[in-house]
Amino acid sequence: MIKPQSVHVGSQPIDDYTDVAGDACIEKIRKLARPLAGKRVLFLNATFYGGGVAELLRSTLPMMRDLGIEAEWKVMFGERDFFDVTKALHNALQGGKFEITKNQWAAYLKINRENAKGLDGDYDCIVVNDPQPAAIIKYLDTDARWIWRCHIDTSEPNEEAWNKLEPYVSKYDAHVFSMPEFVPDEIPEDGLYIVPPAIDPLSPKNVDVPWRLAGSVLRWVGVDLSRPIVCQVSR
């Protein structure tokens, strides 16, 4: 049986963000979290490392746990055929071409079905991230509330790709997008939320680096430090 893999999220006290966010903001977050204390929330995605979703979950789940929410993170198991399909689906939902066979789509549904069989635990809410695990809702019998969190630009999706995915996405109780412009027309306003992505100022990639260390790294990769530098930073 395929079992989604649990990811250890560590700990991050919410108070560590006081210097950045301020006392009022931290207290507001605590107030909002109090009614959710003790709730079991599962976050499901397709990878534990290397993507923006993984970075997001690694930053937010430790804070949620500090606030009393029993947040868990699991990564679905898949084979190469599955990830070939989801890569094509991911690109097509952003407007690219969508060329897959019936057997490939069957492989996508099979992996979602098998992961659903191996998903144990009694949850109050399941948050499914992006298209890779989106169909799992069809195969899991639970009383949990379902949220689909879409992190990609689906403002002009490939019609064929969206028609494949929409019957599963429509089953969710709520939908979360990064921008209003990303929301497809078929998504109902009831249960629709816009949550922009954010930067974690305390993550390892955002810590201040002493100039001496930064300079040595830049010289090592061949940057001429005697000239002005224009730098664009992204994931």
Protein backbone atom coordinates (compact mmCIF):
# COMPACT_ATOMS: atom_id res chain seq x y z
CA MET A 1 0.00 0.00 0.00
CA ILE A 2 1.23 3.50 -0.85
CA LYS A 3 1.45 5.76 2.20
CA PRO A 4 2.04 9.50 2.01
CA GLN A 5 5.25 10.41 3.84
CA SER A 6 5.11 12.53 6.98
CA VAL A 7 7.44 15.53 7.10
CA HIS A 8 8.93 16.73 10.37
CA VAL A 9 8.30 20.46 10.60
CA GLY A 10 10.26 21.36 13.74
CA SER A 11 9.23 24.29 15.90
CA GLN A 12 9.12 28.07 15.58
CA PRO A 13 7.64 30.13 18.43
CA ILE A 14 5.35 32.85 17.13
CA ASP A 15 6.98 35.27 19.58
CA ASP A 16 10.19 35.08 17.53
CA TYR A 17 8.44 37.30 14.97
CA THR A 18 7.61 40.08 17.43
CA ASP A 19 10.54 42.29 16.41
CA VAL A 20 9.48 42.04 12.76
CA ALA A 21 5.68 42.16 13.01
CA GLY A 22 5.11 44.03 16.27
CA ASP A 23 3.19 43.11 19.43
CA ALA A 24 -0.22 44.09 18.03
CA CYS A 25 0.11 41.82 15.00
CA ILE A 26 1.27 38.85 17.08
CA GLU A 27 -1.62 39.30 19.49
CA LYS A 28 -4.08 39.49 16.58
CA ILE A 29 -2.74 36.19 15.25
CA ARG A 30 -3.09 34.59 18.69
CA LYS A 31 -6.68 35.81 18.95
CA LEU A 32 -7.56 34.39 15.52
CA ALA A 33 -5.93 31.06 16.37
CA ARG A 34 -7.64 30.48 19.73
CA PRO A 35 -10.88 28.98 18.30
CA LEU A 36 -8.75 26.57 16.24
CA ALA A 37 -6.69 25.23 19.14
CA GLY A 38 -6.68 21.43 19.11
CA LYS A 39 -7.94 21.15 15.53
CA ARG A 40 -6.14 18.55 13.41
CA VAL A 41 -5.17 20.00 10.03
CA LEU A 42 -3.38 18.04 7.32
CA PHE A 43 -1.39 19.81 4.59
CA LEU A 44 -0.79 17.63 1.56
CA ASN A 45 1.49 18.31 -1.39
CA ALA A 46 3.83 16.52 -3.81
CA THR A 47 7.33 17.40 -2.56
CA PHE A 48 9.03 18.18 0.74
CA TYR A 49 11.98 20.10 -0.72
CA GLY A 50 12.87 22.44 -3.56
CA GLY A 51 9.61 24.22 -4.32
CA GLY A 52 7.76 27.29 -3.17
CA VAL A 53 5.00 25.24 -1.56
CA ALA A 54 7.54 23.32 0.51
CA GLU A 55 9.09 26.59 1.68
CA LEU A 56 5.68 27.94 2.60
CA LEU A 57 4.71 24.88 4.63
CA ARG A 58 8.09 24.66 6.35
CA SER A 59 7.64 28.24 7.57
CA THR A 60 3.96 28.31 8.51
CA LEU A 61 3.32 24.90 10.07
CA PRO A 62 5.76 25.33 12.99
CA MET A 63 4.02 28.59 13.91
CA MET A 64 0.60 26.97 13.65
CA ARG A 65 1.71 24.22 16.02
CA ASP A 66 3.02 26.82 18.46
CA LEU A 67 -0.46 28.39 18.38
CA GLY A 68 -2.09 25.11 19.43
CA ILE A 69 -3.21 23.86 16.01
CA GLU A 70 -2.27 20.22 15.39
CA ALA A 71 -0.89 20.83 11.91
CA GLU A 72 0.68 17.94 9.99
CA TRP A 73 2.45 17.85 6.65
CA LYS A 74 2.46 14.83 4.36
CA VAL A 75 3.91 14.34 0.90
CA MET A 76 2.16 12.03 -1.54
CA PHE A 77 4.10 9.18 -3.11
CA GLY A 78 4.25 9.01 -6.90
CA GLU A 79 6.13 7.33 -9.73
CA ARG A 80 7.77 8.90 -12.78
CA ASP A 81 4.66 8.56 -14.98
CA PHE A 82 2.64 10.40 -12.36
CA PHE A 83 5.04 13.32 -12.15
CA ASP A 84 5.30 13.51 -15.94
CA VAL A 85 1.53 14.03 -16.04
CA THR A 86 1.47 16.53 -13.19
CA LYS A 87 4.28 18.55 -14.79
CA ALA A 88 2.26 18.72 -18.01
CA LEU A 89 -0.87 19.59 -16.03
CA HIS A 90 0.98 22.26 -14.05
CA ASN A 91 2.25 23.95 -17.21
CA ALA A 92 -1.09 23.65 -19.01
CA LEU A 93 -2.97 25.27 -16.15
CA GLN A 94 -0.73 28.27 -16.74
CA GLY A 95 -1.73 28.35 -20.40
CA GLY A 96 0.68 25.86 -21.96
CA LYS A 97 -0.10 22.91 -24.23
CA PHE A 98 -1.66 19.78 -22.75
CA GLU A 99 -0.73 16.57 -24.50
CA ILE A 100 -1.25 13.40 -22.44
CA THR A 101 -2.69 10.01 -23.22
CA LYS A 102 -5.62 8.28 -21.55
CA ASN A 103 -3.15 5.90 -19.90
CA GLN A 104 -1.19 8.82 -18.45
CA TRP A 105 -4.34 10.38 -16.99
CA ALA A 106 -5.30 6.98 -15.60
CA ALA A 107 -1.87 6.86 -13.92
CA TYR A 108 -2.54 10.26 -12.34
CA LEU A 109 -5.86 9.09 -10.91
CA LYS A 110 -4.35 5.78 -9.78
CA ILE A 111 -1.65 7.48 -7.72
CA ASN A 112 -4.22 9.77 -6.11
CA ARG A 113 -6.42 6.75 -5.33
CA GLU A 114 -3.54 4.73 -3.87
CA ASN A 115 -2.36 7.62 -1.70
CA ALA A 116 -5.89 8.06 -0.40
CA LYS A 117 -5.94 4.40 0.69
CA GLY A 118 -2.72 4.89 2.62
CA LEU A 119 -3.71 8.15 4.27
CA ASP A 120 -4.53 7.43 7.89
CA GLY A 121 -5.56 9.85 10.60
CA ASP A 122 -8.70 11.66 11.68
CA TYR A 123 -8.54 15.27 10.54
CA ASP A 124 -10.80 18.28 10.93
CA CYS A 125 -9.45 19.88 7.77
CA ILE A 126 -7.34 18.77 4.80
CA VAL A 127 -5.49 21.40 2.78
CA VAL A 128 -4.46 20.11 -0.65
CA ASN A 129 -1.81 22.12 -2.46
CA ASP A 130 -1.81 22.51 -6.25
CA PRO A 131 -2.94 20.02 -8.93
CA GLN A 132 -0.77 17.00 -8.08
CA PRO A 133 -2.95 15.69 -5.21
CA ALA A 134 -6.16 17.47 -6.24
CA ALA A 135 -8.05 14.30 -7.21
CA ILE A 136 -7.45 12.63 -3.85
CA ILE A 137 -10.70 14.15 -2.56
CA LYS A 138 -12.66 11.70 -4.73
CA TYR A 139 -11.12 8.65 -3.07
CA LEU A 140 -11.02 9.59 0.61
CA ASP A 141 -14.13 9.13 2.75
CA THR A 142 -13.87 11.60 5.61
CA ASP A 143 -15.90 14.21 7.48
CA ALA A 144 -13.01 16.68 7.22
CA ARG A 145 -13.45 20.02 5.53
CA TRP A 146 -11.47 20.26 2.28
CA ILE A 147 -9.47 23.26 1.03
CA TRP A 148 -7.73 23.45 -2.34
CA ARG A 149 -4.79 25.85 -2.29
CA CYS A 150 -3.70 26.84 -5.81
CA HIS A 151 -0.27 28.50 -5.91
CA ILE A 152 -0.03 28.90 -9.70
CA ASP A 153 -1.43 31.35 -12.25
CA THR A 154 -4.64 29.76 -13.52
CA SER A 155 -6.08 32.96 -14.97
CA GLU A 156 -6.00 31.57 -18.53
CA PRO A 157 -5.68 27.79 -18.17
CA ASN A 158 -5.54 25.40 -21.09
CA GLU A 159 -9.19 24.45 -21.56
CA GLU A 160 -8.56 20.72 -21.93
CA ALA A 161 -6.38 20.59 -18.81
CA TRP A 162 -8.86 22.60 -16.74
CA ASN A 163 -11.74 20.41 -17.90
CA LYS A 164 -9.81 17.37 -16.64
CA LEU A 165 -9.13 18.88 -13.22
CA GLU A 166 -12.24 20.95 -12.54
CA PRO A 167 -14.56 18.03 -11.61
CA TYR A 168 -12.25 17.26 -8.69
CA VAL A 169 -11.53 20.88 -7.71
CA SER A 170 -15.27 21.61 -7.60
CA LYS A 171 -15.69 19.09 -4.76
CA TYR A 172 -13.69 21.23 -2.30
CA ASP A 173 -15.39 23.24 0.41
CA ALA A 174 -13.07 26.22 -0.07
CA HIS A 175 -10.54 27.48 -2.60
CA VAL A 176 -7.51 29.68 -1.97
CA PHE A 177 -5.63 31.59 -4.68
CA SER A 178 -2.69 33.99 -4.56
CA MET A 179 -4.35 36.77 -6.59
CA PRO A 180 -7.92 37.56 -7.69
CA GLU A 181 -6.75 37.47 -11.32
CA PHE A 182 -5.73 33.82 -10.95
CA VAL A 183 -9.24 32.58 -10.15
CA PRO A 184 -10.95 30.67 -13.01
CA ASP A 185 -14.53 31.63 -13.78
CA GLU A 186 -15.89 28.28 -12.59
CA ILE A 187 -14.72 28.79 -8.99
CA PRO A 188 -17.69 29.95 -6.85
CA GLU A 189 -17.29 33.10 -4.76
CA ASP A 190 -18.68 31.30 -1.73
CA GLY A 191 -15.66 29.78 -0.02
CA LEU A 192 -13.16 31.69 -2.16
CA TYR A 193 -10.19 33.30 -0.42
CA ILE A 194 -7.24 35.33 -1.69
CA VAL A 195 -4.01 34.79 0.27
CA PRO A 196 -0.92 36.39 -1.31
CA PRO A 197 2.41 34.62 -0.86
CA ALA A 198 4.69 36.04 1.81
CA ILE A 199 8.35 36.08 2.78
CA ASP A 200 9.48 34.49 6.04
CA PRO A 201 12.07 36.93 7.42
CA LEU A 202 13.41 34.27 9.79
CA SER A 203 13.97 31.50 7.24
CA PRO A 204 17.61 30.52 6.62
CA LYS A 205 17.61 32.02 3.10
CA ASN A 206 16.57 35.44 4.45
CA VAL A 207 19.04 35.91 7.31
CA ASP A 208 21.52 38.75 7.15
CA VAL A 209 24.90 37.66 5.81
CA PRO A 210 28.08 39.54 6.82
CA TRP A 211 29.59 41.41 3.86
CA ARG A 212 32.87 39.53 4.22
CA LEU A 213 31.07 36.21 3.75
CA ALA A 214 28.86 37.55 0.96
CA GLY A 215 31.90 38.94 -0.82
CA SER A 216 33.80 35.67 -0.61
CA VAL A 217 30.83 33.78 -2.08
CA LEU A 218 30.45 36.28 -4.93
CA ARG A 219 34.16 36.13 -5.75
CA TRP A 220 34.01 32.32 -5.69
CA VAL A 221 31.30 32.31 -8.37
CA GLY A 222 33.23 34.80 -10.51
CA VAL A 223 31.57 38.14 -9.73
CA ASP A 224 33.83 41.19 -10.16
CA LEU A 225 33.28 43.14 -6.94
CA SER A 226 35.01 46.23 -8.32
CA ARG A 227 31.96 46.92 -10.48
CA PRO A 228 28.41 47.92 -9.44
CA ILE A 229 26.01 45.00 -8.97
CA VAL A 230 22.37 44.84 -10.04
CA CYS A 231 20.82 41.79 -8.38
CA GLN A 232 17.41 40.21 -8.86
CA VAL A 233 16.62 37.56 -6.26
CA SER A 234 13.99 34.88 -6.75
CA ARG A 235 13.38 31.24 -5.88
